[in-house]
Structure formats: C-alpha cells, structure tokens
Protein backbone atom coordinates (compact mmCIF):
# COMPACT_ATOMS: atom_id res chain seq x y z
CA MET A 1 64.64 152.45 96.59
CA SER A 2 61.22 151.43 97.58
CA LYS A 3 59.02 149.30 95.58
CA GLN A 4 56.82 152.35 94.71
CA GLN A 5 59.50 153.92 93.18
CA ALA A 6 59.95 153.66 89.24
CA LEU A 7 62.40 151.53 88.10
CA ASP A 8 64.19 151.19 84.55
CA GLY A 9 65.10 148.00 83.11
CA ALA A 10 68.88 148.36 83.83
CA GLN A 11 67.69 148.87 87.86
CA ALA A 12 65.59 146.05 87.91
CA LEU A 13 68.56 143.99 86.77
CA ILE A 14 70.79 145.33 89.26
CA LYS A 15 68.18 144.64 92.09
CA THR A 16 67.34 141.18 90.68
CA LEU A 17 71.03 140.50 90.94
CA ASP A 18 71.13 141.76 94.72
CA ASP A 19 68.43 139.43 95.16
CA LEU A 20 70.37 136.71 93.89
CA GLY A 21 73.45 137.06 96.20
CA ILE A 22 75.47 138.69 93.66
CA GLU A 23 78.67 140.13 95.62
CA TYR A 24 80.93 141.09 92.91
CA ILE A 25 80.63 142.68 89.41
CA PHE A 26 83.75 142.94 87.33
CA GLY A 27 83.74 145.38 84.66
CA TYR A 28 84.60 148.09 82.35
CA SER A 29 82.45 150.60 81.14
CA GLY A 30 81.19 151.91 77.64
CA GLY A 31 78.34 153.83 76.14
CA ALA A 32 75.79 150.89 75.39
CA ALA A 33 76.43 149.73 78.80
CA ILE A 34 75.78 153.23 80.56
CA PRO A 35 72.43 152.61 81.77
CA ILE A 36 73.55 149.64 83.61
CA PHE A 37 76.44 151.27 85.19
CA ASP A 38 74.42 154.29 86.29
CA ALA A 39 71.72 151.70 87.97
CA LEU A 40 74.82 150.68 90.23
CA VAL A 41 74.78 153.94 91.75
CA THR A 42 71.07 154.68 91.77
CA VAL A 43 70.21 151.44 93.30
CA LYS A 44 71.04 150.61 96.72
CA SER A 45 72.40 146.96 96.86
CA ASN A 46 75.03 144.95 98.65
CA ILE A 47 76.98 144.41 95.39
CA LYS A 48 80.66 145.49 95.10
CA PHE A 49 81.75 146.75 91.66
CA VAL A 50 85.33 146.44 90.61
CA LEU A 51 86.41 148.26 87.47
CA ALA A 52 89.42 146.20 85.67
CA ARG A 53 91.67 147.38 83.14
CA HIS A 54 90.78 145.29 80.28
CA GLU A 55 87.52 142.92 79.70
CA GLN A 56 89.66 139.55 79.47
CA GLY A 57 90.89 140.55 82.86
CA CYS A 58 86.98 141.09 84.27
CA CYS A 59 86.58 137.27 83.08
CA HIS A 60 89.38 135.93 84.44
CA MET A 61 88.54 137.97 88.17
CA ALA A 62 84.98 136.33 87.94
CA ASP A 63 86.43 133.04 87.02
CA GLY A 64 88.65 133.00 89.78
CA TYR A 65 86.09 134.10 92.21
CA GLY A 66 83.96 131.35 90.68
CA ARG A 67 86.57 128.69 91.47
CA ALA A 68 87.40 130.10 94.87
CA THR A 69 83.87 130.08 95.97
CA GLY A 70 81.71 127.59 93.86
CA LYS A 71 79.54 130.63 93.42
CA PRO A 72 79.32 133.11 90.20
CA ALA A 73 80.23 136.30 90.18
CA VAL A 74 79.19 138.99 87.17
CA VAL A 75 81.19 140.62 84.34
CA LEU A 76 79.87 143.66 82.84
CA VAL A 77 80.77 145.21 79.71
CA THR A 78 79.85 147.55 76.61
CA SER A 79 78.84 146.32 73.21
CA GLY A 80 81.34 145.33 70.34
CA PRO A 81 84.66 145.53 71.28
CA GLY A 82 84.04 145.34 74.81
CA ALA A 83 82.19 142.24 74.67
CA GLY A 84 84.49 140.66 72.00
CA ASN A 85 87.21 141.09 74.54
CA THR A 86 85.44 138.78 76.95
CA ILE A 87 86.11 135.73 74.54
CA THR A 88 88.71 134.20 75.70
CA GLY A 89 87.76 134.75 79.42
CA ILE A 90 84.33 132.86 78.56
CA MET A 91 85.60 130.18 76.61
CA THR A 92 88.23 129.49 79.45
CA ALA A 93 85.11 129.27 82.28
CA GLN A 94 83.06 127.11 79.88
CA MET A 95 86.14 124.60 79.20
CA ASP A 96 86.36 124.37 83.06
CA SER A 97 82.96 124.20 84.10
CA VAL A 98 83.24 127.54 86.32
CA PRO A 99 79.91 129.44 86.82
CA MET A 100 79.54 132.73 85.62
CA ILE A 101 76.94 135.66 84.29
CA ILE A 102 78.04 137.97 81.72
CA LEU A 103 76.30 141.08 81.21
CA SER A 104 77.02 142.93 77.91
CA GLY A 105 75.53 146.30 77.06
CA GLN A 106 74.24 146.38 73.23
CA GLN A 107 73.11 148.75 70.40
CA VAL A 108 69.49 149.97 70.25
CA THR A 109 67.11 147.30 69.12
CA TRP A 110 66.44 149.37 65.93
CA MET A 111 70.01 149.24 64.82
CA LEU A 112 70.69 145.54 65.36
CA GLY A 113 72.05 144.02 62.21
CA LYS A 114 72.85 147.49 60.55
CA ASP A 115 76.38 147.66 61.48
CA ALA A 116 76.12 150.35 63.87
CA PHE A 117 78.81 151.84 65.86
CA GLN A 118 80.26 149.31 68.40
CA GLU A 119 77.95 146.90 67.68
CA ALA A 120 78.48 142.99 66.98
CA ASP A 121 76.67 139.85 67.36
CA ILE A 122 77.78 138.78 70.40
CA PHE A 123 74.84 136.28 70.96
CA GLY A 124 76.01 134.63 67.70
CA ILE A 125 79.77 134.90 68.38
CA THR A 126 79.79 133.35 72.05
CA MET A 127 77.01 130.48 71.28
CA PRO A 128 79.82 127.68 70.81
CA ILE A 129 81.59 129.00 74.16
CA VAL A 130 78.43 129.24 76.58
CA LYS A 131 76.35 127.14 78.23
CA HIS A 132 73.36 129.19 77.41
CA ASN A 133 73.10 132.94 76.40
CA TYR A 134 70.24 135.74 75.93
CA LEU A 135 69.50 138.48 73.65
CA VAL A 136 66.75 140.51 75.65
CA LYS A 137 64.39 142.12 73.44
CA ASN A 138 61.39 143.14 76.49
CA THR A 139 62.37 145.57 79.45
CA ASN A 140 59.99 143.42 81.54
CA ASP A 141 62.12 140.27 80.83
CA ILE A 142 64.87 141.13 82.33
CA PRO A 143 64.05 139.85 85.99
CA ARG A 144 62.92 136.62 84.26
CA ILE A 145 66.01 136.06 82.18
CA THR A 146 68.58 137.04 84.86
CA ARG A 147 67.21 134.59 87.44
CA GLU A 148 67.40 131.89 84.80
CA ALA A 149 70.76 132.81 83.65
CA HIS A 150 71.61 132.43 87.37
CA HIS A 151 69.85 129.09 87.79
CA ILE A 152 71.62 127.81 84.43
CA ALA A 153 75.07 128.68 85.45
CA THR A 154 74.69 126.97 88.53
CA SER A 155 72.96 124.17 88.39
CA GLY A 156 73.71 120.80 86.77
CA ARG A 157 77.15 121.24 85.28
CA PRO A 158 78.27 124.84 85.97
CA GLY A 159 79.23 127.29 83.24
CA PRO A 160 78.97 130.99 81.97
CA VAL A 161 75.70 132.48 80.87
CA LEU A 162 75.73 135.70 78.67
CA ILE A 163 72.87 138.01 78.54
CA ASP A 164 73.08 140.86 75.52
CA LEU A 165 71.13 143.78 76.63
CA PRO A 166 70.44 146.51 74.05
CA LYS A 167 70.62 150.16 75.25
CA ASP A 168 67.08 151.21 74.84
CA ILE A 169 65.81 147.78 76.71
CA THR A 170 67.75 148.75 80.11
CA SER A 171 66.86 152.62 79.46
CA ALA A 172 63.18 151.78 79.04
CA ASP A 173 60.61 151.81 82.03
CA PHE A 174 60.41 148.52 83.95
CA SER A 175 56.65 147.38 84.77
CA GLY A 176 57.13 143.66 85.22
CA ASP A 177 57.37 141.45 88.35
CA LEU A 178 60.98 141.56 89.85
CA ASN A 179 60.18 137.86 91.30
CA PRO A 180 58.85 136.04 88.29
CA THR A 181 58.42 132.37 87.52
CA LEU A 182 61.37 130.75 85.79
CA ASP A 183 60.61 129.69 81.95
CA LEU A 184 62.85 126.74 81.35
CA PRO A 185 60.89 123.48 79.92
CA GLY A 186 63.71 121.65 78.53
CA TYR A 187 66.14 122.21 81.46
CA HIS A 188 65.45 120.01 84.38
CA PRO A 189 69.26 118.89 85.67
CA GLU A 190 67.18 117.84 88.67
CA THR A 191 65.70 114.84 87.15
CA THR A 192 68.04 114.10 84.41
CA TYR A 193 71.04 113.22 87.00
CA GLN A 194 68.83 111.00 89.00
CA LEU A 195 70.94 108.11 90.44
CA ASP A 196 70.20 104.65 89.07
CA ASP A 197 70.53 101.97 91.43
CA SER A 198 71.62 99.22 88.82
CA ALA A 199 74.65 101.34 87.93
CA ILE A 200 75.68 101.76 91.47
CA ASP A 201 75.15 97.82 92.34
CA ALA A 202 77.81 97.18 89.12
CA ALA A 203 80.04 99.38 90.50
CA LEU A 204 80.18 97.88 93.80
CA GLN A 205 80.53 94.49 92.14
CA LEU A 206 83.81 95.76 90.53
CA ILE A 207 85.00 97.34 93.42
CA HIS A 208 84.61 94.41 95.50
CA LYS A 209 86.67 92.31 93.20
CA ALA A 210 89.61 94.83 92.62
CA GLU A 211 92.78 94.03 93.93
CA ARG A 212 94.54 96.97 92.41
CA PRO A 213 92.30 99.93 92.42
CA LEU A 214 92.72 103.37 91.84
CA ILE A 215 90.61 106.60 92.08
CA LEU A 216 90.65 109.35 89.44
CA ALA A 217 89.26 112.40 90.99
CA GLY A 218 88.33 115.27 88.96
CA GLN A 219 87.12 118.75 88.97
CA GLY A 220 83.36 117.38 89.03
CA ALA A 221 84.13 115.87 92.53
CA MET A 222 85.25 119.15 93.66
CA ILE A 223 82.27 121.10 92.17
CA SER A 224 79.48 118.82 93.81
CA GLY A 225 81.65 119.49 97.31
CA ALA A 226 82.32 115.28 97.26
CA HIS A 227 85.92 116.01 99.28
CA ASP A 228 84.60 114.22 102.39
CA GLU A 229 82.86 111.40 100.60
CA LEU A 230 85.73 110.97 98.46
CA LYS A 231 88.30 110.55 101.45
CA GLU A 232 85.95 108.42 103.24
CA LEU A 233 86.01 105.95 100.15
CA ALA A 234 89.53 105.97 99.69
CA GLU A 235 90.38 105.20 103.09
CA THR A 236 87.64 102.48 103.45
CA LEU A 237 89.04 100.82 100.44
CA GLN A 238 92.64 101.78 101.31
CA CYS A 239 92.81 102.94 97.64
CA PRO A 240 95.29 105.44 96.20
CA VAL A 241 94.00 108.50 94.54
CA THR A 242 95.45 110.54 91.59
CA SER A 243 93.73 113.80 90.37
CA THR A 244 93.51 115.46 87.01
CA LEU A 245 94.92 119.33 86.76
CA LEU A 246 91.76 120.76 88.05
CA GLY A 247 90.98 118.29 90.52
CA LYS A 248 94.13 119.43 92.86
CA GLY A 249 93.07 119.50 96.47
CA VAL A 250 89.80 117.61 96.30
CA PHE A 251 91.80 115.04 98.09
CA SER A 252 94.76 116.04 100.03
CA GLU A 253 98.10 115.87 98.01
CA GLU A 254 99.55 115.33 101.65
CA HIS A 255 97.54 112.39 102.09
CA GLU A 256 99.79 109.23 102.47
CA LEU A 257 96.92 107.78 99.81
CA SER A 258 97.66 110.47 97.24
CA VAL A 259 99.91 109.86 94.33
CA GLY A 260 99.83 113.31 92.76
CA MET A 261 98.67 114.30 89.29
CA LEU A 262 98.37 111.92 86.37
CA GLY A 263 98.66 112.50 82.74
CA MET A 264 101.47 114.57 80.37
CA HIS A 265 103.28 115.96 83.16
CA GLY A 266 101.83 114.07 86.09
CA THR A 267 103.93 112.16 88.72
CA ALA A 268 105.46 108.89 87.12
CA TYR A 269 104.10 106.80 90.09
CA ALA A 270 100.52 108.18 89.23
CA ASN A 271 100.80 107.48 85.49
CA LYS A 272 102.37 103.75 86.43
CA ALA A 273 99.54 103.04 88.82
CA VAL A 274 97.19 103.98 86.12
CA CYS A 275 98.86 101.59 83.81
CA ASP A 276 99.00 98.85 86.24
CA CYS A 277 95.66 99.26 88.07
CA ASP A 278 92.70 96.38 87.48
CA LEU A 279 90.05 99.15 88.59
CA LEU A 280 89.88 102.83 87.80
CA ILE A 281 87.23 104.64 89.42
CA ASN A 282 86.85 107.91 87.83
CA ILE A 283 84.79 110.56 89.81
CA GLY A 284 84.06 113.52 87.93
CA SER A 285 87.05 113.85 85.10
CA ARG A 286 85.93 114.02 81.54
CA PHE A 287 89.10 111.95 80.32
CA ASP A 288 90.57 114.58 78.71
CA ASP A 289 93.67 114.13 76.28
CA ARG A 290 96.15 115.27 78.41
CA ILE A 291 95.47 112.40 80.99
CA ILE A 292 94.63 109.32 78.95
CA GLY A 293 97.43 109.81 76.29
CA GLN A 294 96.81 106.85 73.59
CA ALA A 295 93.04 106.09 74.23
CA ASP A 296 93.23 102.81 72.74
CA LYS A 297 95.92 101.80 75.55
CA PHE A 298 94.42 103.52 78.23
CA CYS A 299 93.91 101.56 81.50
CA SER A 300 93.51 98.33 78.78
CA ASN A 301 94.13 95.83 81.50
CA ALA A 302 91.39 97.74 83.94
CA LYS A 303 87.80 97.93 84.60
CA ILE A 304 86.37 101.35 84.46
CA ILE A 305 83.90 103.12 86.48
CA HIS A 306 82.98 106.97 85.14
CA ILE A 307 80.98 108.95 87.55
CA ASP A 308 79.86 112.47 85.72
CA ILE A 309 77.17 114.67 85.91
CA ASP A 310 77.37 115.33 82.07
CA PRO A 311 75.91 112.48 80.11
CA SER A 312 77.85 113.36 76.74
CA GLU A 313 81.05 113.02 78.62
CA MET A 314 80.06 109.15 78.51
CA LYS A 315 81.61 107.46 75.73
CA LYS A 316 83.18 110.56 74.14
CA MET A 317 86.82 109.65 75.15
CA ILE A 318 86.76 106.37 76.94
CA THR A 319 84.10 103.36 77.17
CA ALA A 320 83.86 102.48 80.80
CA ASP A 321 82.37 99.38 81.94
CA VAL A 322 80.12 100.92 84.15
CA GLU A 323 78.74 104.37 83.93
CA ILE A 324 76.91 106.38 86.54
CA ILE A 325 75.41 109.63 85.74
CA SER A 326 75.15 111.64 88.50
CA ASP A 327 76.38 114.42 90.86
CA ALA A 328 80.02 112.97 92.39
CA LYS A 329 78.49 113.35 95.75
CA THR A 330 75.50 111.84 95.38
CA ALA A 331 76.85 108.87 93.90
CA LEU A 332 79.53 108.49 96.59
CA ILE A 333 77.14 108.57 99.46
CA GLU A 334 75.44 105.47 97.86
CA ILE A 335 78.70 103.66 97.31
CA ASN A 336 79.90 104.24 100.69
CA LYS A 337 76.82 103.10 102.34
CA ARG A 338 77.41 99.77 100.85
CA THR A 339 81.18 99.57 100.43
CA SER A 340 83.78 97.39 102.29
CA GLY A 341 87.56 97.45 102.93
CA LEU A 342 89.75 95.90 100.03
CA ASP A 343 93.26 93.99 100.94
CA THR A 344 95.49 96.29 98.99
CA LYS A 345 98.89 96.18 100.95
CA GLN A 346 100.55 94.48 98.22
CA TRP A 347 99.70 97.46 95.86
CA LEU A 348 100.32 100.38 98.12
CA ALA A 349 103.69 98.56 98.38
CA THR A 350 104.43 98.59 94.95
CA ILE A 351 103.16 102.00 94.54
CA GLU A 352 105.54 103.32 97.83
CA GLY A 353 108.38 101.70 95.88
CA TRP A 354 107.67 103.81 92.44
CA LYS A 355 107.66 106.60 94.87
CA LYS A 356 111.03 106.01 96.08
CA LYS A 357 112.24 105.28 92.56
CA PHE A 358 110.95 108.14 90.58
CA PRO A 359 110.58 110.97 93.13
CA LEU A 360 109.52 114.66 92.00
CA SER A 361 113.35 116.25 92.10
CA TYR A 362 115.25 119.04 90.77
CA ARG A 363 118.89 120.14 90.64
CA LYS A 364 120.27 123.09 92.83
CA GLN A 365 123.28 123.91 90.84
CA GLY A 366 123.71 125.84 87.48
CA GLY A 367 121.14 128.65 88.25
CA LEU A 368 117.90 129.13 89.58
CA ARG A 369 115.19 126.68 88.95
CA MET A 370 111.52 127.52 88.82
CA GLN A 371 110.87 124.12 90.93
CA GLN A 372 113.01 125.40 93.73
CA VAL A 373 111.15 128.81 93.76
CA ILE A 374 107.42 126.68 93.87
CA ASP A 375 109.05 124.14 96.56
CA GLU A 376 109.77 126.99 98.79
CA LEU A 377 106.56 128.60 98.11
CA TYR A 378 105.10 125.61 99.22
CA GLN A 379 107.42 125.23 102.21
CA ILE A 380 106.34 128.53 103.23
CA ALA A 381 102.83 129.17 102.53
CA GLY A 382 101.54 125.67 103.13
CA GLY A 383 98.97 123.43 100.98
CA ASP A 384 96.51 125.72 102.58
CA ALA A 385 97.06 128.97 100.30
CA ILE A 386 94.88 129.55 97.43
CA VAL A 387 97.23 129.37 94.19
CA ALA A 388 96.23 130.74 90.69
CA THR A 389 98.50 129.86 87.94
CA ASP A 390 99.30 130.88 84.24
CA VAL A 391 99.79 128.17 81.70
CA GLY A 392 103.24 126.55 80.77
CA GLN A 393 106.17 124.98 82.29
CA HIS A 394 105.61 127.13 85.57
CA GLN A 395 102.32 125.64 85.60
CA MET A 396 103.15 122.09 85.16
CA TRP A 397 105.98 122.52 87.83
CA ALA A 398 103.45 124.21 90.10
CA ALA A 399 100.97 121.08 89.75
CA GLN A 400 104.02 119.02 90.52
CA PHE A 401 105.76 120.78 93.66
CA TYR A 402 102.93 122.78 95.32
CA LYS A 403 100.79 120.31 97.08
CA THR A 404 97.41 121.28 97.52
CA ASN A 405 95.38 119.86 100.85
CA SER A 406 91.45 121.05 100.13
CA SER A 407 89.12 122.28 97.59
CA LEU A 408 88.61 125.58 95.63
CA LYS A 409 92.50 126.26 96.38
CA TRP A 410 93.96 125.77 92.92
CA LEU A 411 93.00 128.03 89.96
CA SER A 412 94.44 126.71 86.87
CA SER A 413 93.35 127.16 83.33
CA GLY A 414 92.85 123.49 82.38
CA GLY A 415 91.09 122.71 78.92
CA ALA A 416 91.46 125.80 77.02
CA GLY A 417 94.87 126.42 78.47
CA THR A 418 94.81 130.06 78.79
CA MET A 419 98.00 132.23 79.06
CA GLY A 420 97.14 135.70 80.97
CA PHE A 421 94.44 133.88 82.90
CA GLY A 422 96.78 133.33 86.60
CA PHE A 423 97.18 137.23 88.10
CA PRO A 424 93.58 138.12 87.42
CA ALA A 425 91.99 134.74 88.30
CA ALA A 426 94.11 135.79 91.80
CA ILE A 427 92.70 138.86 92.25
CA GLY A 428 89.04 137.21 92.00
CA ALA A 429 90.01 134.73 94.36
CA ALA A 430 91.60 137.97 96.73
CA PHE A 431 88.29 139.49 96.59
CA ALA A 432 86.40 136.43 97.20
CA CYS A 433 88.63 135.13 100.27
CA PRO A 434 89.97 138.35 101.49
CA ASP A 435 91.54 136.33 104.92
CA GLN A 436 93.45 133.77 102.77
CA THR A 437 96.82 134.14 101.61
CA VAL A 438 96.65 133.82 97.62
CA ILE A 439 99.74 133.25 95.39
CA SER A 440 99.95 134.14 91.57
CA ILE A 441 102.55 132.22 89.86
CA SER A 442 103.22 133.05 86.28
CA GLY A 443 105.69 132.72 83.69
CA ASP A 444 107.22 136.01 81.91
CA GLY A 445 105.02 135.37 78.95
CA GLY A 446 101.71 134.78 80.18
CA PHE A 447 102.15 137.76 82.94
CA GLN A 448 102.69 140.38 80.08
CA MET A 449 99.35 139.45 78.44
CA THR A 450 97.56 140.62 81.89
CA LEU A 451 99.94 142.78 83.68
CA PHE A 452 98.05 145.78 83.36
CA GLU A 453 95.66 144.36 86.40
CA LEU A 454 98.51 145.21 88.77
CA SER A 455 96.89 148.63 88.81
CA THR A 456 93.32 146.85 90.27
CA ALA A 457 95.51 144.75 92.69
CA ALA A 458 97.28 147.84 94.13
CA ILE A 459 94.08 150.20 94.17
CA HIS A 460 92.39 147.47 96.12
CA LYS A 461 95.40 146.76 98.24
CA LEU A 462 95.17 142.97 97.52
CA PRO A 463 97.62 141.19 99.77
CA ILE A 464 98.26 139.24 96.56
CA LYS A 465 102.19 137.32 96.17
CA ILE A 466 102.73 137.90 92.39
CA VAL A 467 105.42 135.58 91.23
CA VAL A 468 106.81 135.97 88.10
CA LEU A 469 108.94 133.18 86.96
CA ASN A 470 111.18 134.85 84.40
CA ASN A 471 113.12 132.26 81.67
CA HIS A 472 112.66 134.94 79.01
CA TYR A 473 111.27 132.15 76.53
CA LEU A 474 107.77 130.62 75.86
CA GLY A 475 109.36 127.73 77.73
CA MET A 476 106.84 124.79 77.19
CA VAL A 477 106.84 125.90 73.24
CA ARG A 478 110.88 125.89 73.28
CA GLN A 479 110.65 122.58 75.24
CA TRP A 480 108.73 120.97 72.12
CA GLN A 481 110.95 122.63 69.78
CA GLU A 482 114.01 121.09 71.47
CA LEU A 483 112.50 117.63 71.57
CA PHE A 484 110.71 117.15 68.65
CA PHE A 485 111.96 119.93 66.14
CA ASP A 486 115.84 119.61 66.50
CA ASP A 487 115.69 122.44 68.69
CA ARG A 488 114.80 125.00 66.26
CA LYS A 489 113.73 127.62 68.22
CA SER A 490 111.21 129.97 66.43
CA GLY A 491 108.80 132.49 68.08
CA VAL A 492 109.54 131.60 71.81
CA ASP A 493 112.36 134.36 72.54
CA LEU A 494 110.61 137.07 74.55
CA GLU A 495 113.35 139.47 73.68
CA GLY A 496 112.65 142.65 75.44
CA ASN A 497 111.07 141.26 78.65
CA PRO A 498 110.64 144.56 81.14
CA ASP A 499 112.25 145.19 84.65
CA PHE A 500 109.57 143.65 86.31
CA CYS A 501 110.57 145.00 89.78
CA LYS A 502 110.60 148.52 88.21
CA LEU A 503 107.12 147.90 86.68
CA ALA A 504 105.66 146.93 90.05
CA ALA A 505 107.22 150.12 91.36
CA ALA A 506 105.26 152.00 88.68
CA TYR A 507 102.42 151.07 90.31
CA GLY A 508 103.22 151.64 93.42
CA ILE A 509 103.84 148.10 94.30
CA PRO A 510 106.79 146.67 96.23
CA SER A 511 108.97 143.89 94.94
CA VAL A 512 111.95 141.30 95.75
CA TYR A 513 114.23 140.00 93.11
CA ILE A 514 115.78 136.54 93.03
CA LYS A 515 118.60 135.10 90.86
CA ARG A 516 121.08 132.77 93.34
CA PRO A 517 119.59 129.59 94.58
CA ALA A 518 120.89 130.50 98.23
CA ASP A 519 118.60 133.49 98.09
CA VAL A 520 115.01 132.07 97.46
CA LYS A 521 113.87 131.63 100.97
CA ARG A 522 115.07 134.71 102.51
CA GLN A 523 113.48 136.70 99.54
CA LEU A 524 110.33 134.61 99.97
CA GLU A 525 110.24 135.39 103.53
CA LYS A 526 110.54 139.02 103.06
CA ALA A 527 107.87 138.91 100.37
CA PHE A 528 105.38 137.09 102.53
CA ALA A 529 106.10 139.73 105.49
CA ILE A 530 104.43 142.31 103.38
CA LYS A 531 100.62 142.16 104.44
CA ASP A 532 99.17 145.56 103.43
CA GLY A 533 98.97 145.23 99.71
CA PRO A 534 100.31 143.17 96.74
CA VAL A 535 104.04 141.97 96.15
CA LEU A 536 105.72 141.09 93.48
CA ILE A 537 108.75 138.39 93.61
CA HIS A 538 110.32 138.58 90.28
CA ALA A 539 112.76 135.05 89.98
CA GLU A 540 115.42 135.21 87.22
CA CYS A 541 115.21 131.66 86.18
CA ILE A 542 117.68 129.33 83.85
CA LYS A 543 116.46 129.57 80.41
CA THR A 544 116.63 126.02 79.19
CA ASP A 545 115.18 123.66 81.84
CA ASN A 546 112.65 121.15 80.71
CA VAL A 547 109.71 119.31 82.73
CA PHE A 548 109.85 115.98 83.21
CA PRO A 549 107.94 113.15 83.38
CA MET A 550 106.47 114.13 80.13
CA ILE A 551 104.54 111.95 77.93
CA PRO A 552 104.60 112.93 74.20
CA ALA A 553 101.04 114.30 72.94
CA GLY A 554 99.54 110.88 71.24
CA ALA A 555 101.50 108.91 72.90
CA ALA A 556 100.55 106.12 75.65
CA LEU A 557 101.29 106.75 79.53
CA GLU A 558 103.47 103.44 79.09
CA ASP A 559 105.88 105.94 76.81
CA MET A 560 106.29 107.97 79.74
CA LEU A 561 109.90 109.86 79.76
CA THR A 562 111.14 110.51 83.24
CA GLU A 563 114.28 111.93 81.99
CA PRO A 564 115.67 113.90 78.86
CA PRO A 565 115.79 111.18 75.95
CA LYS A 566 118.90 110.58 74.46
CA GLY A 567 118.28 111.14 70.98
CA GLN A 568 115.55 112.87 68.86
CA LEU A 569 112.12 112.15 69.34
CA ALA A 570 109.52 111.68 66.54
CA LYS A 571 107.29 114.90 65.95
CA PRO A 572 103.80 114.00 68.21
CA THR A 573 101.02 113.03 66.32
CA GLY A 574 98.60 114.52 69.14
CA SER A 575 97.79 118.52 70.40
CA THR A 576 100.36 119.97 72.03
C-alpha cells in the first residue's frame, strides 16, 4: 500500500506495528475488532497472524514468545468477553515482567458506558494488571499511542500494555502522521535508572570483605542480558550462584558454581547457602515470598546488596545494606571493572559437602514418578531446550531436575502461578524459535485448562513435545492437605480425566503412553524421533508423591524439610 493511498485507523495501526518490527499477532476475532482483522488482509506487512482457540491462549502464546525472545508479540481480541478472557494472561505477564501489547476492540464511542452489546470497561478492569493502558478516542492518535505502548512495554522494567480501540475509531479515515513524536513527559526510565557510583563503591567494599559470598540471580539479570557479566563476576569471585524460579538459566545450572534454585522447593544446598552466607548479592530478583520464607530471619547474619531496575522493589520485602537502582547489566559491567578474586575455597568445600549430603533424588520403585520422566527429558534433550511448564508439583520437580544452561530457555509462571500457562506458552516459543527443541511440561489439571490449543499446534505443525504428567490429582494442593490438614482431600480429585492419547488423536497428533519406569527412556526417544509436528507424551504417574525439599509457607529457610515429616505439621501462616 503506497503512502498516497487512503488509510483508515485500523490500517494505520497495522502499518505502525509492522514498522515497529512486530513479528506475530495472536488473536481471536469478534465484531468490535473486525476493522483490525480486515486490516491484516488489506495492509501488506511482515506480520504473521495466529488464530488461537481462546483469548487466554492468545495471551500465553504472546507471553511465551516474549520470554523466549525478550521482544513483544501482540494479542488481538474483541470487546467484552473477548477482552475479559485475556485478564489471566495479562496478569501473568505483568507479575513476571514480560513485554506484551494487547489490542482490544471496543464498542463505538457514543455507546461507551451505556451497557451496549459486548461492552466492558476493559481500560478500568485492566488498570491494576498492566504497566500502562490506553482508550483511544481519536483515529489520528493511533500511531503515536501504538509507538508509546511499544516503548513502555519494552523499556525499563518490561510489562504488558493494553490499547482499547473503539470500532468507530479504527473504521474512521486516518489523516495523521504514521511516525509521530512520542508524548510521554512523565516516563523517562533512561534517567531514572542512572548508575550511582557511591552505591557501586559501597557494594565493592562489602564484596571484598566477604568470606562466604552468594549470588542470587533473578529474572532481571536475564531481561537485561547480563548472563556474560554474571558469569564473569561469579568466576572472578569464585562465588556460588543460586537462582530464582524465573532466573533459571541466566547462570548455567550445569556450571560447577551453580547451586540451583532456592526457596520453597529449591535445593537443600541452595537454601543452606542462603542461611550461612555472609554476603548475598541479589541481581535482578524482587525478593518474593517464595524465596525469603520468614522475612525477619532471611539472611539474618549476612550483608545484602540488592541490584534492581525498579525502585519500588527496594525495601518492599527485604531492606538491603546497599541498594543499586540500575539495569543489571550496566551495574555488573561497572562492578566487574573493579572486582578481584576472593578466597572462597573453604566456603565452596562446605557447599560441596551439602551437595553430597542432600542430593536431589527419587525412587524408581513403586510406580512411575514425575521426577524420572523429567530427568530423562533432561538427559535426552539437554539443558539447551526451551522448556515451558505449567504450575504445581511438576513445575517444582522440573525446576529441580531439568537443568537449564542458558537464558530465555525456561518459561514458567512465577508470580501469578497460572495453571494452563505452560502449553500455550510453548506454542508461542515454538513460533519464536522454530529451530529449537521446545518441550511443554504440564500436569493433568493445568493441561485441561488450555488443551484446546492442541488445534493451534496441529494446524501449524509445531514440533512441540507435549508432556502430560498425569497423577489424577491437583497434586500440590493435595500435598498441602496431606501435610497440614490431616490428609483431608477436598476439591483435588480429578476424576473423569480423558484418555489424553485419544484426545491427541482427535486433533491428528501422535502420542506415546508411559506407565512403567522401565519404559520411560524408550518411549521418550520414540517421541523425540517425531520431527514433523507435535507429539503428546502421556505419563501415568503415581498419585500421592510429594515434593521435597519444602519450606512451609511463612516459615524460615532454616525450617526446610528434606524428607516427609514423621508427624502432623501445624497449618502454615503464609500463602500457599
């Protein structure tokens, strides 16, 4: 379409998105969004459109794309229930700082607030769960708002931005500028996060005095692309590294200095290292409740350095001795310039002793365990596959037994804990990285929340390994009921699960079935030999296995359980 041809608002929108380099739009159509969907046909662009089967799936696909690339994809939905169905996905992205742009069609402007058909105040509804949002009231504002949304979503601490687009606004003639100046007078992350040299000096003083240092690597280090700088710091100091759930892979878990994930279901040696260190260097973690346990006892004998791009995270959960408000990469480059090695031989020997005393392990008797399936997946695929998990017991076992060796390869819902996330996120990652192995790991509960996206995977012949670990329970809730509520099972028995292999066959997807421990390797190798589309792996696992190590919610890291308790535990005081 030449510059001389007339555009409407929707066409100006698509041309702007194309100019911004948007590669994928994941969407589901509807009346209020028809002008935008029509523009996808009438405007020549490099954008690829993917029709999902539910608006929640659209968001999780865009989320998976964003986590696997660090770049935003676009979600396109209609008004009312269409926009409403994105709420879970938007919240998931916001909690985990994932860049995303959501376009929602809306009723015509003269019907706003009058309870028109499929009208909902999605601007007001999403205000608490987005980084920013817009309601467009002038067609000529569309390019500026779209460019602002992209800038906000991708700069500073990333996050989702929603643009609500009334149908008359997208249908009207466009006569404005396709490349306007941004109008964001109150948003300047480039100046807000300027490095404070005095904070760097204070951090270096603590580092050079440390005898038992520990680096905590969070997702912020990954978002900033600080993996090389992190590795340089760890190797220079000879400092062990633990990671948050979302930080998995920013420091290779196959590295000898890695102690794996910390927190509620982290490794015993990571949690013991946190308890015994004399300096904790937090790089890009927000000190969430899953990793600190009881806040007043967290690192009570250690100095703490906190590096984070978001000033609001400082003192929110933990008060650090030194606060560095900065992009992690920028801060580490400066620290690395002025850092020398430490004598940590005794400290590393102590940690090595913990690794030998408290290894991650599982039994291969008494039925098939999720841990074995995940361990074999790791052995076959290696740590460089992209792994997307759902939420629950399988997520924690995957975090423990599937070692991730590089950034942007571990996709998991952290802050929101969203069941149904893993499989559509894997679809988004498969679109983003078509040459890489993508594995979706779900429990039977979470998989059934978004399993209809099997159609999307099949249509596009995405070579995803779709692992369903089926124990016929909502396993993590059942575990809590066993340990803290006298084993009273309420609302956790998933009676009526389908035959997942037959379900896959209904979509034309091949499958393998695993029930015996002896068959795991052979069946997984059979599944991995299928290259020309998705394959479902249905693993029938024992029903009542529990995840250990475990720190009861609200308890201190020192109260970690490494094996099943002999008696009933008191009800936890913290969140589940």
